[in-house]
PDB file of N, CA and C in Angstrom:
ATOM      1  N   MET A   1      49.109-170.471  60.419  1.00  0.00           N
ATOM      2  CA  MET A   1      49.611-170.650  61.804  1.00  0.00           C
ATOM      3  C   MET A   1      49.605-168.850  62.183  1.00  0.00           C
ATOM      4  N   ASP A   2      49.341-168.620  63.309  1.00  0.00           N
ATOM      5  CA  ASP A   2      49.250-167.077  63.662  1.00  0.00           C
ATOM      6  C   ASP A   2      50.374-166.868  64.700  1.00  0.00           C
ATOM      7  N   ALA A   3      50.653-165.422  64.727  1.00  0.00           N
ATOM      8  CA  ALA A   3      51.674-165.185  65.446  1.00  0.00           C
ATOM      9  C   ALA A   3      52.169-165.454  66.797  1.00  0.00           C
ATOM     10  N   ASP A   4      50.599-166.201  67.543  1.00  0.00           N
ATOM     11  CA  ASP A   4      50.891-166.683  68.685  1.00  0.00           C
ATOM     12  C   ASP A   4      51.423-167.957  68.644  1.00  0.00           C
ATOM     13  N   THR A   5      51.016-168.896  67.847  1.00  0.00           N
ATOM     14  CA  THR A   5      51.306-169.927  67.700  1.00  0.00           C
ATOM     15  C   THR A   5      52.900-170.134  67.146  1.00  0.00           C
ATOM     16  N   PHE A   6      53.291-169.267  66.054  1.00  0.00           N
ATOM     17  CA  PHE A   6      54.545-169.351  65.842  1.00  0.00           C
ATOM     18  C   PHE A   6      55.691-168.818  67.014  1.00  0.00           C
ATOM     19  N   VAL A   7      55.083-168.082  67.908  1.00  0.00           N
ATOM     20  CA  VAL A   7      55.932-167.686  69.081  1.00  0.00           C
ATOM     21  C   VAL A   7      55.971-168.961  70.128  1.00  0.00           C
ATOM     22  N   ALA A   8      54.734-169.314  70.238  1.00  0.00           N
ATOM     23  CA  ALA A   8      54.653-170.629  71.118  1.00  0.00           C
ATOM     24  C   ALA A   8      55.558-171.602  70.436  1.00  0.00           C
ATOM     25  N   ASN A   9      55.852-171.684  69.504  1.00  0.00           N
ATOM     26  CA  ASN A   9      56.777-172.913  69.029  1.00  0.00           C
ATOM     27  C   ASN A   9      58.216-172.387  69.425  1.00  0.00           C
ATOM     28  N   TRP A  10      58.418-171.156  69.286  1.00  0.00           N
ATOM     29  CA  TRP A  10      60.069-170.409  69.744  1.00  0.00           C
ATOM     30  C   TRP A  10      60.019-170.806  71.305  1.00  0.00           C
ATOM     31  N   TYR A  11      59.174-170.279  71.993  1.00  0.00           N
ATOM     32  CA  TYR A  11      59.296-170.903  73.258  1.00  0.00           C
ATOM     33  C   TYR A  11      59.370-172.338  73.813  1.00  0.00           C
ATOM     34  N   ALA A  12      58.491-172.956  73.076  1.00  0.00           N
ATOM     35  CA  ALA A  12      59.229-174.709  73.304  1.00  0.00           C
ATOM     36  C   ALA A  12      60.162-175.121  72.696  1.00  0.00           C
ATOM     37  N   GLU A  13      60.820-174.328  71.679  1.00  0.00           N
ATOM     38  CA  GLU A  13      62.295-174.657  71.394  1.00  0.00           C
ATOM     39  C   GLU A  13      63.332-174.234  72.168  1.00  0.00           C
ATOM     40  N   LYS A  14      62.931-172.980  72.730  1.00  0.00           N
ATOM     41  CA  LYS A  14      63.757-172.671  74.019  1.00  0.00           C
ATOM     42  C   LYS A  14      63.810-173.709  75.184  1.00  0.00           C
ATOM     43  N   GLU A  15      62.387-174.111  75.531  1.00  0.00           N
ATOM     44  CA  GLU A  15      62.509-175.156  76.673  1.00  0.00           C
ATOM     45  C   GLU A  15      63.357-176.638  76.005  1.00  0.00           C
ATOM     46  N   GLN A  16      63.200-176.804  74.901  1.00  0.00           N
ATOM     47  CA  GLN A  16      64.106-178.231  74.435  1.00  0.00           C
ATOM     48  C   GLN A  16      65.187-177.976  74.356  1.00  0.00           C
ATOM     49  N   LEU A  17      65.908-176.423  74.138  1.00  0.00           N
ATOM     50  CA  LEU A  17      67.234-176.256  74.103  1.00  0.00           C
ATOM     51  C   LEU A  17      68.066-176.603  75.532  1.00  0.00           C
ATOM     52  N   LEU A  18      66.990-175.732  76.445  1.00  0.00           N
ATOM     53  CA  LEU A  18      67.474-175.655  77.595  1.00  0.00           C
ATOM     54  C   LEU A  18      67.477-177.385  78.633  1.00  0.00           C
ATOM     55  N   ALA A  19      66.639-178.020  78.123  1.00  0.00           N
ATOM     56  CA  ALA A  19      66.671-179.349  78.681  1.00  0.00           C
ATOM     57  C   ALA A  19      68.009-180.210  77.927  1.00  0.00           C
ATOM     58  N   ALA A  20      67.995-179.836  76.748  1.00  0.00           N
ATOM     59  CA  ALA A  20      68.974-180.646  75.945  1.00  0.00           C
ATOM     60  C   ALA A  20      70.508-180.291  76.495  1.00  0.00           C
ATOM     61  N   ALA A  21      70.799-178.939  77.308  1.00  0.00           N
ATOM     62  CA  ALA A  21      71.653-178.284  77.724  1.00  0.00           C
ATOM     63  C   ALA A  21      72.357-179.684  78.896  1.00  0.00           C
ATOM     64  N   TRP A  22      71.144-180.164  79.791  1.00  0.00           N
ATOM     65  CA  TRP A  22      71.412-181.075  80.687  1.00  0.00           C
ATOM     66  C   TRP A  22      71.376-182.469  80.379  1.00  0.00           C
ATOM     67  N   THR A  23      70.972-182.813  79.388  1.00  0.00           N
ATOM     68  CA  THR A  23      70.795-184.353  78.870  1.00  0.00           C
ATOM     69  C   THR A  23      72.110-184.929  78.903  1.00  0.00           C
ATOM     70  N   PRO A  24      72.451-186.260  79.810  1.00  0.00           N
ATOM     71  CA  PRO A  24      73.450-187.029  79.693  1.00  0.00           C
ATOM     72  C   PRO A  24      73.710-187.410  78.339  1.00  0.00           C
ATOM     73  N   GLY A  25      75.097-187.466  78.079  1.00  0.00           N
ATOM     74  CA  GLY A  25      75.783-187.801  76.876  1.00  0.00           C
ATOM     75  C   GLY A  25      75.861-186.721  75.861  1.00  0.00           C
ATOM     76  N   THR A  26      75.192-185.435  76.461  1.00  0.00           N
ATOM     77  CA  THR A  26      75.551-184.317  75.216  1.00  0.00           C
ATOM     78  C   THR A  26      76.957-183.473  75.660  1.00  0.00           C
ATOM     79  N   ALA A  27      77.330-182.697  74.341  1.00  0.00           N
ATOM     80  CA  ALA A  27      78.514-181.851  75.118  1.00  0.00           C
ATOM     81  C   ALA A  27      78.458-181.065  76.115  1.00  0.00           C
ATOM     82  N   SER A  28      77.319-180.207  76.081  1.00  0.00           N
ATOM     83  CA  SER A  28      77.162-179.509  77.137  1.00  0.00           C
ATOM     84  C   SER A  28      76.869-179.964  78.431  1.00  0.00           C
ATOM     85  N   ALA A  29      75.923-181.203  78.458  1.00  0.00           N
ATOM     86  CA  ALA A  29      76.383-181.709  79.790  1.00  0.00           C
ATOM     87  C   ALA A  29      77.420-182.240  80.245  1.00  0.00           C
ATOM     88  N   ALA A  30      78.628-182.582  79.378  1.00  0.00           N
ATOM     89  CA  ALA A  30      79.682-183.139  79.555  1.00  0.00           C
ATOM     90  C   ALA A  30      80.485-181.728  80.230  1.00  0.00           C
ATOM     91  N   ARG A  31      80.221-180.624  79.521  1.00  0.00           N
ATOM     92  CA  ARG A  31      81.098-179.513  80.036  1.00  0.00           C
ATOM     93  C   ARG A  31      80.398-178.712  81.364  1.00  0.00           C
ATOM     94  N   ILE A  32      79.137-179.105  81.726  1.00  0.00           N
ATOM     95  CA  ILE A  32      78.597-178.755  82.964  1.00  0.00           C
ATOM     96  C   ILE A  32      79.102-179.461  84.142  1.00  0.00           C
ATOM     97  N   ALA A  33      79.199-181.081  83.541  1.00  0.00           N
ATOM     98  CA  ALA A  33      79.416-181.917  84.811  1.00  0.00           C
ATOM     99  C   ALA A  33      80.987-181.552  85.096  1.00  0.00           C
ATOM    100  N   SER A  34      81.659-181.236  84.117  1.00  0.00           N
ATOM    101  CA  SER A  34      83.295-181.069  84.255  1.00  0.00           C
ATOM    102  C   SER A  34      83.334-179.526  85.235  1.00  0.00           C
ATOM    103  N   MET A  35      82.433-178.703  85.342  1.00  0.00           N
ATOM    104  CA  MET A  35      82.383-177.584  86.144  1.00  0.00           C
ATOM    105  C   MET A  35      82.586-178.161  87.673  1.00  0.00           C
ATOM    106  N   ALA A  36      81.724-179.407  88.052  1.00  0.00           N
ATOM    107  CA  ALA A  36      81.836-179.972  89.366  1.00  0.00           C
ATOM    108  C   ALA A  36      81.104-178.951  90.449  1.00  0.00           C
ATOM    109  N   LEU A  37      79.872-178.286  89.567  1.00  0.00           N
ATOM    110  CA  LEU A  37      79.323-177.274  90.240  1.00  0.00           C
ATOM    111  C   LEU A  37      78.379-177.911  91.565  1.00  0.00           C
ATOM    112  N   SER A  38      78.178-177.223  92.573  1.00  0.00           N
ATOM    113  CA  SER A  38      77.304-177.513  93.573  1.00  0.00           C
ATOM    114  C   SER A  38      75.852-177.618  93.290  1.00  0.00           C
ATOM    115  N   PRO A  39      74.878-178.403  93.742  1.00  0.00           N
ATOM    116  CA  PRO A  39      73.487-177.981  93.116  1.00  0.00           C
ATOM    117  C   PRO A  39      72.873-176.631  93.471  1.00  0.00           C
ATOM    118  N   GLY A  40      73.349-175.714  94.011  1.00  0.00           N
ATOM    119  CA  GLY A  40      72.993-174.326  94.090  1.00  0.00           C
ATOM    120  C   GLY A  40      73.799-173.593  92.864  1.00  0.00           C
ATOM    121  N   GLN A  41      75.217-174.094  92.769  1.00  0.00           N
ATOM    122  CA  GLN A  41      75.647-173.318  91.720  1.00  0.00           C
ATOM    123  C   GLN A  41      75.240-173.812  90.375  1.00  0.00           C
ATOM    124  N   ALA A  42      74.614-175.499  89.930  1.00  0.00           N
ATOM    125  CA  ALA A  42      74.111-175.665  88.804  1.00  0.00           C
ATOM    126  C   ALA A  42      72.868-175.106  88.843  1.00  0.00           C
ATOM    127  N   GLN A  43      72.000-174.891  89.694  1.00  0.00           N
ATOM    128  CA  GLN A  43      70.713-174.010  89.319  1.00  0.00           C
ATOM    129  C   GLN A  43      70.922-172.762  89.009  1.00  0.00           C
ATOM    130  N   ALA A  44      71.825-172.152  89.594  1.00  0.00           N
ATOM    131  CA  ALA A  44      72.021-170.594  89.159  1.00  0.00           C
ATOM    132  C   ALA A  44      72.573-170.478  87.791  1.00  0.00           C
ATOM    133  N   LEU A  45      73.333-171.529  87.203  1.00  0.00           N
ATOM    134  CA  LEU A  45      73.578-171.879  85.603  1.00  0.00           C
ATOM    135  C   LEU A  45      72.280-171.701  85.053  1.00  0.00           C
ATOM    136  N   ARG A  46      71.561-172.787  85.420  1.00  0.00           N
ATOM    137  CA  ARG A  46      70.313-173.066  84.594  1.00  0.00           C
ATOM    138  C   ARG A  46      69.916-171.727  84.266  1.00  0.00           C
ATOM    139  N   ASP A  47      69.374-171.355  85.605  1.00  0.00           N
ATOM    140  CA  ASP A  47      68.780-169.959  85.551  1.00  0.00           C
ATOM    141  C   ASP A  47      69.254-168.951  84.505  1.00  0.00           C
ATOM    142  N   MET A  48      70.366-168.627  84.624  1.00  0.00           N
ATOM    143  CA  MET A  48      71.298-167.861  83.708  1.00  0.00           C
ATOM    144  C   MET A  48      71.050-168.118  82.439  1.00  0.00           C
ATOM    145  N   LEU A  49      71.105-169.435  82.009  1.00  0.00           N
ATOM    146  CA  LEU A  49      70.981-169.947  80.621  1.00  0.00           C
ATOM    147  C   LEU A  49      69.924-169.751  80.229  1.00  0.00           C
ATOM    148  N   ASP A  50      68.611-169.820  81.100  1.00  0.00           N
ATOM    149  CA  ASP A  50      67.368-169.591  80.539  1.00  0.00           C
ATOM    150  C   ASP A  50      67.091-168.183  80.271  1.00  0.00           C
ATOM    151  N   VAL A  51      67.501-167.314  81.104  1.00  0.00           N
ATOM    152  CA  VAL A  51      67.707-165.873  81.049  1.00  0.00           C
ATOM    153  C   VAL A  51      67.992-165.405  79.502  1.00  0.00           C
ATOM    154  N   PHE A  52      69.374-165.972  79.511  1.00  0.00           N
ATOM    155  CA  PHE A  52      70.122-165.713  78.213  1.00  0.00           C
ATOM    156  C   PHE A  52      69.391-166.179  77.062  1.00  0.00           C
ATOM    157  N   VAL A  53      68.686-167.338  76.822  1.00  0.00           N
ATOM    158  CA  VAL A  53      68.197-167.799  75.651  1.00  0.00           C
ATOM    159  C   VAL A  53      66.815-167.202  75.616  1.00  0.00           C
ATOM    160  N   SER A  54      66.061-166.838  76.487  1.00  0.00           N
ATOM    161  CA  SER A  54      64.886-165.930  76.430  1.00  0.00           C
ATOM    162  C   SER A  54      65.401-164.625  75.954  1.00  0.00           C
ATOM    163  N   ASP A  55      65.991-164.149  76.199  1.00  0.00           N
ATOM    164  CA  ASP A  55      66.533-162.561  75.694  1.00  0.00           C
ATOM    165  C   ASP A  55      66.796-162.677  74.366  1.00  0.00           C
ATOM    166  N   ALA A  56      67.819-163.983  74.198  1.00  0.00           N
ATOM    167  CA  ALA A  56      68.194-163.884  72.638  1.00  0.00           C
ATOM    168  C   ALA A  56      66.918-163.995  71.839  1.00  0.00           C
ATOM    169  N   MET A  57      66.223-164.971  72.504  1.00  0.00           N
ATOM    170  CA  MET A  57      64.837-165.212  71.314  1.00  0.00           C
ATOM    171  C   MET A  57      63.801-164.217  71.449  1.00  0.00           C
ATOM    172  N   TYR A  58      63.803-163.745  72.129  1.00  0.00           N
ATOM    173  CA  TYR A  58      62.821-162.387  72.452  1.00  0.00           C
ATOM    174  C   TYR A  58      63.300-161.429  71.528  1.00  0.00           C
ATOM    175  N   THR A  59      64.630-161.030  71.486  1.00  0.00           N
ATOM    176  CA  THR A  59      64.940-159.822  70.831  1.00  0.00           C
ATOM    177  C   THR A  59      65.195-160.279  69.068  1.00  0.00           C
ATOM    178  N   LEU A  60      65.256-161.664  68.731  1.00  0.00           N
ATOM    179  CA  LEU A  60      65.252-161.911  67.140  1.00  0.00           C
ATOM    180  C   LEU A  60      63.631-161.524  66.846  1.00  0.00           C
ATOM    181  N   LEU A  61      62.704-162.266  67.985  1.00  0.00           N
ATOM    182  CA  LEU A  61      61.438-162.309  67.543  1.00  0.00           C
ATOM    183  C   LEU A  61      60.863-160.543  67.097  1.00  0.00           C
ATOM    184  N   LEU A  62      61.441-159.955  68.282  1.00  0.00           N
ATOM    185  CA  LEU A  62      61.226-158.574  68.177  1.00  0.00           C
ATOM    186  C   LEU A  62      61.697-157.936  66.880  1.00  0.00           C
ATOM    187  N   GLY A  63      62.989-158.421  66.395  1.00  0.00           N
ATOM    188  CA  GLY A  63      63.554-157.950  65.284  1.00  0.00           C
ATOM    189  C   GLY A  63      62.806-158.102  64.082  1.00  0.00           C
ATOM    190  N   LEU A  64      62.316-159.737  63.851  1.00  0.00           N
ATOM    191  CA  LEU A  64      61.296-159.759  62.768  1.00  0.00           C
ATOM    192  C   LEU A  64      59.946-159.010  62.670  1.00  0.00           C
ATOM    193  N   ASP A  65      59.703-158.741  64.002  1.00  0.00           N
ATOM    194  CA  ASP A  65      58.354-157.834  63.926  1.00  0.00           C
ATOM    195  C   ASP A  65      58.607-156.437  63.683  1.00  0.00           C
ATOM    196  N   GLY A  66      59.810-155.915  63.536  1.00  0.00           N
ATOM    197  CA  GLY A  66      60.234-154.486  63.223  1.00  0.00           C
ATOM    198  C   GLY A  66      60.051-153.634  64.796  1.00  0.00           C
ATOM    199  N   SER A  67      60.156-154.206  65.780  1.00  0.00           N
ATOM    200  CA  SER A  67      60.244-153.582  67.265  1.00  0.00           C
ATOM    201  C   SER A  67      61.520-153.552  67.843  1.00  0.00           C
ATOM    202  N   ALA A  68      62.418-154.148  67.054  1.00  0.00           N
ATOM    203  CA  ALA A  68      63.719-154.094  67.513  1.00  0.00           C
ATOM    204  C   ALA A  68      64.819-154.205  66.391  1.00  0.00           C
ATOM    205  N   SER A  69      66.009-153.527  66.531  1.00  0.00           N
ATOM    206  CA  SER A  69      67.327-153.606  65.497  1.00  0.00           C
ATOM    207  C   SER A  69      67.861-155.051  65.446  1.00  0.00           C
ATOM    208  N   LEU A  70      67.922-155.612  64.322  1.00  0.00           N
ATOM    209  CA  LEU A  70      68.750-156.699  64.261  1.00  0.00           C
ATOM    210  C   LEU A  70      70.176-156.268  63.536  1.00  0.00           C
ATOM    211  N   GLY A  71      71.312-156.491  64.450  1.00  0.00           N
ATOM    212  CA  GLY A  71      72.346-155.836  63.588  1.00  0.00           C
ATOM    213  C   GLY A  71      72.577-154.239  63.211  1.00  0.00           C
ATOM    214  N   GLY A  72      71.858-153.731  64.031  1.00  0.00           N
ATOM    215  CA  GLY A  72      71.746-152.077  63.675  1.00  0.00           C
ATOM    216  C   GLY A  72      70.950-151.858  62.735  1.00  0.00           C
ATOM    217  N   ASP A  73      70.294-152.483  62.031  1.00  0.00           N
ATOM    218  CA  ASP A  73      69.347-152.576  61.020  1.00  0.00           C
ATOM    219  C   ASP A  73      67.584-152.584  61.641  1.00  0.00           C
ATOM    220  N   GLN A  74      66.971-151.730  61.904  1.00  0.00           N
ATOM    221  CA  GLN A  74      65.777-151.637  62.235  1.00  0.00           C
ATOM    222  C   GLN A  74      64.339-151.692  60.940  1.00  0.00           C
ATOM    223  N   ARG A  75      63.933-152.876  60.670  1.00  0.00           N
ATOM    224  CA  ARG A  75      62.801-152.673  59.873  1.00  0.00           C
ATOM    225  C   ARG A  75      61.984-153.743  60.161  1.00  0.00           C
ATOM    226  N   HIS A  76      60.574-153.480  59.588  1.00  0.00           N
ATOM    227  CA  HIS A  76      59.345-154.653  59.642  1.00  0.00           C
ATOM    228  C   HIS A  76      59.731-155.935  58.319  1.00  0.00           C
ATOM    229  N   TYR A  77      59.617-157.096  58.695  1.00  0.00           N
ATOM    230  CA  TYR A  77      59.607-158.159  57.716  1.00  0.00           C
ATOM    231  C   TYR A  77      58.398-158.535  57.739  1.00  0.00           C
ATOM    232  N   THR A  78      58.039-159.169  56.625  1.00  0.00           N
ATOM    233  CA  THR A  78      56.794-160.036  56.516  1.00  0.00           C
ATOM    234  C   THR A  78      57.089-161.238  56.585  1.00  0.00           C
ATOM    235  N   LEU A  79      56.430-162.190  57.636  1.00  0.00           N
ATOM    236  CA  LEU A  79      56.630-163.537  57.599  1.00  0.00           C
ATOM    237  C   LEU A  79      55.484-164.331  57.186  1.00  0.00           C
ATOM    238  N   LEU A  80      55.824-165.058  56.219  1.00  0.00           N
ATOM    239  CA  LEU A  80      55.055-166.053  55.447  1.00  0.00           C
ATOM    240  C   LEU A  80      55.129-167.434  55.701  1.00  0.00           C
ATOM    241  N   ASP A  81      53.916-168.145  55.639  1.00  0.00           N
ATOM    242  CA  ASP A  81      54.216-169.750  55.487  1.00  0.00           C
ATOM    243  C   ASP A  81      54.386-170.220  54.135  1.00  0.00           C
ATOM    244  N   GLU A  82      54.647-171.261  54.397  1.00  0.00           N
ATOM    245  CA  GLU A  82      54.716-172.038  53.314  1.00  0.00           C
ATOM    246  C   GLU A  82      53.734-171.850  52.018  1.00  0.00           C
ATOM    247  N   ASP A  83      52.355-171.376  52.609  1.00  0.00           N
ATOM    248  CA  ASP A  83      51.632-171.496  51.601  1.00  0.00           C
ATOM    249  C   ASP A  83      51.367-170.076  51.090  1.00  0.00           C
ATOM    250  N   GLY A  84      52.390-169.405  51.768  1.00  0.00           N
ATOM    251  CA  GLY A  84      52.515-167.608  51.323  1.00  0.00           C
ATOM    252  C   GLY A  84      51.534-166.944  52.231  1.00  0.00           C
ATOM    253  N   SER A  85      50.740-167.416  53.026  1.00  0.00           N
ATOM    254  CA  SER A  85      49.989-166.935  54.262  1.00  0.00           C
ATOM    255  C   SER A  85      50.682-166.053  55.088  1.00  0.00           C
ATOM    256  N   VAL A  86      50.201-164.934  55.592  1.00  0.00           N
ATOM    257  CA  VAL A  86      51.143-163.953  56.345  1.00  0.00           C
ATOM    258  C   VAL A  86      50.814-164.494  57.747  1.00  0.00           C
ATOM    259  N   VAL A  87      51.837-164.756  58.364  1.00  0.00           N
ATOM    260  CA  VAL A  87      51.958-165.158  59.911  1.00  0.00           C
ATOM    261  C   VAL A  87      51.347-164.191  60.869  1.00  0.00           C
ATOM    262  N   ALA A  88      51.921-162.934  60.730  1.00  0.00           N
ATOM    263  CA  ALA A  88      52.084-162.039  61.376  1.00  0.00           C
ATOM    264  C   ALA A  88      51.683-160.871  61.151  1.00  0.00           C
ATOM    265  N   GLU A  89      50.805-159.579  61.421  1.00  0.00           N
ATOM    266  CA  GLU A  89      50.991-158.263  61.150  1.00  0.00           C
ATOM    267  C   GLU A  89      51.941-157.668  61.964  1.00  0.00           C
ATOM    268  N   GLU A  90      52.461-156.692  61.688  1.00  0.00           N
ATOM    269  CA  GLU A  90      53.444-155.635  62.478  1.00  0.00           C
ATOM    270  C   GLU A  90      52.741-155.592  63.855  1.00  0.00           C
ATOM    271  N   GLY A  91      53.850-155.668  64.974  1.00  0.00           N
ATOM    272  CA  GLY A  91      53.361-155.800  66.149  1.00  0.00           C
ATOM    273  C   GLY A  91      52.690-157.004  67.073  1.00  0.00           C
ATOM    274  N   ASP A  92      52.200-158.156  65.926  1.00  0.00           N
ATOM    275  CA  ASP A  92      51.673-159.161  66.508  1.00  0.00           C
ATOM    276  C   ASP A  92      52.734-160.398  67.307  1.00  0.00           C
ATOM    277  N   LEU A  93      54.179-160.231  66.714  1.00  0.00           N
ATOM    278  CA  LEU A  93      55.207-161.094  67.154  1.00  0.00           C
ATOM    279  C   LEU A  93      55.552-160.462  68.832  1.00  0.00           C
ATOM    280  N   GLU A  94      55.786-159.181  68.546  1.00  0.00           N
ATOM    281  CA  GLU A  94      56.157-158.183  69.922  1.00  0.00           C
ATOM    282  C   GLU A  94      55.046-158.678  70.944  1.00  0.00           C
ATOM    283  N   ALA A  95      53.670-158.493  70.718  1.00  0.00           N
ATOM    284  CA  ALA A  95      52.746-158.810  71.607  1.00  0.00           C
ATOM    285  C   ALA A  95      52.724-160.265  71.961  1.00  0.00           C
ATOM    286  N   ALA A  96      52.629-161.202  71.357  1.00  0.00           N
ATOM    287  CA  ALA A  96      52.799-162.700  71.767  1.00  0.00           C
ATOM    288  C   ALA A  96      54.329-163.000  72.109  1.00  0.00           C
ATOM    289  N   ALA A  97      55.406-162.455  72.050  1.00  0.00           N
ATOM    290  CA  ALA A  97      56.667-162.886  72.398  1.00  0.00           C
ATOM    291  C   ALA A  97      56.801-162.331  73.909  1.00  0.00           C
ATOM    292  N   TYR A  98      56.189-160.777  74.222  1.00  0.00           N
ATOM    293  CA  TYR A  98      56.029-160.378  75.416  1.00  0.00           C
ATOM    294  C   TYR A  98      54.920-161.395  76.560  1.00  0.00           C
ATOM    295  N   ALA A  99      54.090-161.749  75.754  1.00  0.00           N
ATOM    296  CA  ALA A  99      53.364-162.681  76.881  1.00  0.00           C
ATOM    297  C   ALA A  99      53.889-164.175  76.801  1.00  0.00           C
ATOM    298  N   TRP A 100      54.871-164.718  75.887  1.00  0.00           N
ATOM    299  CA  TRP A 100      55.111-166.112  76.193  1.00  0.00           C
ATOM    300  C   TRP A 100      56.476-165.819  76.881  1.00  0.00           C
ATOM    301  N   PHE A 101      57.593-164.812  76.622  1.00  0.00           N
ATOM    302  CA  PHE A 101      58.981-164.830  77.191  1.00  0.00           C
ATOM    303  C   PHE A 101      58.764-164.102  78.674  1.00  0.00           C
ATOM    304  N   HIS A 102      57.733-162.997  78.859  1.00  0.00           N
ATOM    305  CA  HIS A 102      57.891-162.172  80.139  1.00  0.00           C
ATOM    306  C   HIS A 102      56.776-162.157  81.108  1.00  0.00           C
ATOM    307  N   GLU A 103      55.788-162.641  80.462  1.00  0.00           N
ATOM    308  CA  GLU A 103      54.634-162.640  81.364  1.00  0.00           C
ATOM    309  C   GLU A 103      54.140-164.134  81.684  1.00  0.00           C
ATOM    310  N   GLY A 104      55.021-165.200  81.321  1.00  0.00           N
ATOM    311  CA  GLY A 104      54.999-166.478  81.562  1.00  0.00           C
ATOM    312  C   GLY A 104      53.627-167.286  81.070  1.00  0.00           C
ATOM    313  N   ARG A 105      53.009-166.933  80.135  1.00  0.00           N
ATOM    314  CA  ARG A 105      52.273-167.867  79.259  1.00  0.00           C
ATOM    315  C   ARG A 105      53.038-169.242  78.906  1.00  0.00           C
ATOM    316  N   ARG A 106      52.146-170.381  79.613  1.00  0.00           N
ATOM    317  CA  ARG A 106      52.667-171.318  79.225  1.00  0.00           C
ATOM    318  C   ARG A 106      51.703-172.235  78.657  1.00  0.00           C
ATOM    319  N   SER A 107      50.495-171.909  77.924  1.00  0.00           N
ATOM    320  CA  SER A 107      49.831-172.688  77.005  1.00  0.00           C
ATOM    321  C   SER A 107      49.227-171.652  76.038  1.00  0.00           C
ATOM    322  N   ARG A 108      48.697-171.854  74.742  1.00  0.00           N
ATOM    323  CA  ARG A 108      48.018-171.330  73.826  1.00  0.00           C
ATOM    324  C   ARG A 108      46.773-170.867  74.557  1.00  0.00           C
ATOM    325  N   PRO A 109      46.094-169.700  74.100  1.00  0.00           N
ATOM    326  CA  PRO A 109      44.808-169.455  74.853  1.00  0.00           C
ATOM    327  C   PRO A 109      43.786-170.394  74.153  1.00  0.00           C
ATOM    328  N   GLY A 110      42.822-170.742  75.041  1.00  0.00           N
ATOM    329  CA  GLY A 110      41.897-171.878  74.472  1.00  0.00           C
ATOM    330  C   GLY A 110      42.448-173.022  74.575  1.00  0.00           C
ATOM    331  N   SER A 111      43.490-173.489  75.205  1.00  0.00           N
ATOM    332  CA  SER A 111      43.778-174.907  75.135  1.00  0.00           C
ATOM    333  C   SER A 111      44.036-175.187  76.642  1.00  0.00           C
TER     334      SER A 111
END
């Protein structure tokens, strides 16, 4: 796995989390329904949650990359897969995270 694939998986997880928030039968969907939002308010809530989750995941990825601090501590972490292979070199996660979370990449290069 490379940095772009790693970040693409985080992006897919974000999309799944947001979809789950609106899935009937879930606790989050029940809470949203209890708000009795108009369609416009429901869309505004969906948009706000998208921005919030995107920002949280982007910050975590940059923290792993060493490009941002995590809890006030900024350092580079080596990300290894289960075989001990390096997934990303310093800066790779930052570039991929920016492409996925801020430039709107929706598919992996070459796919």
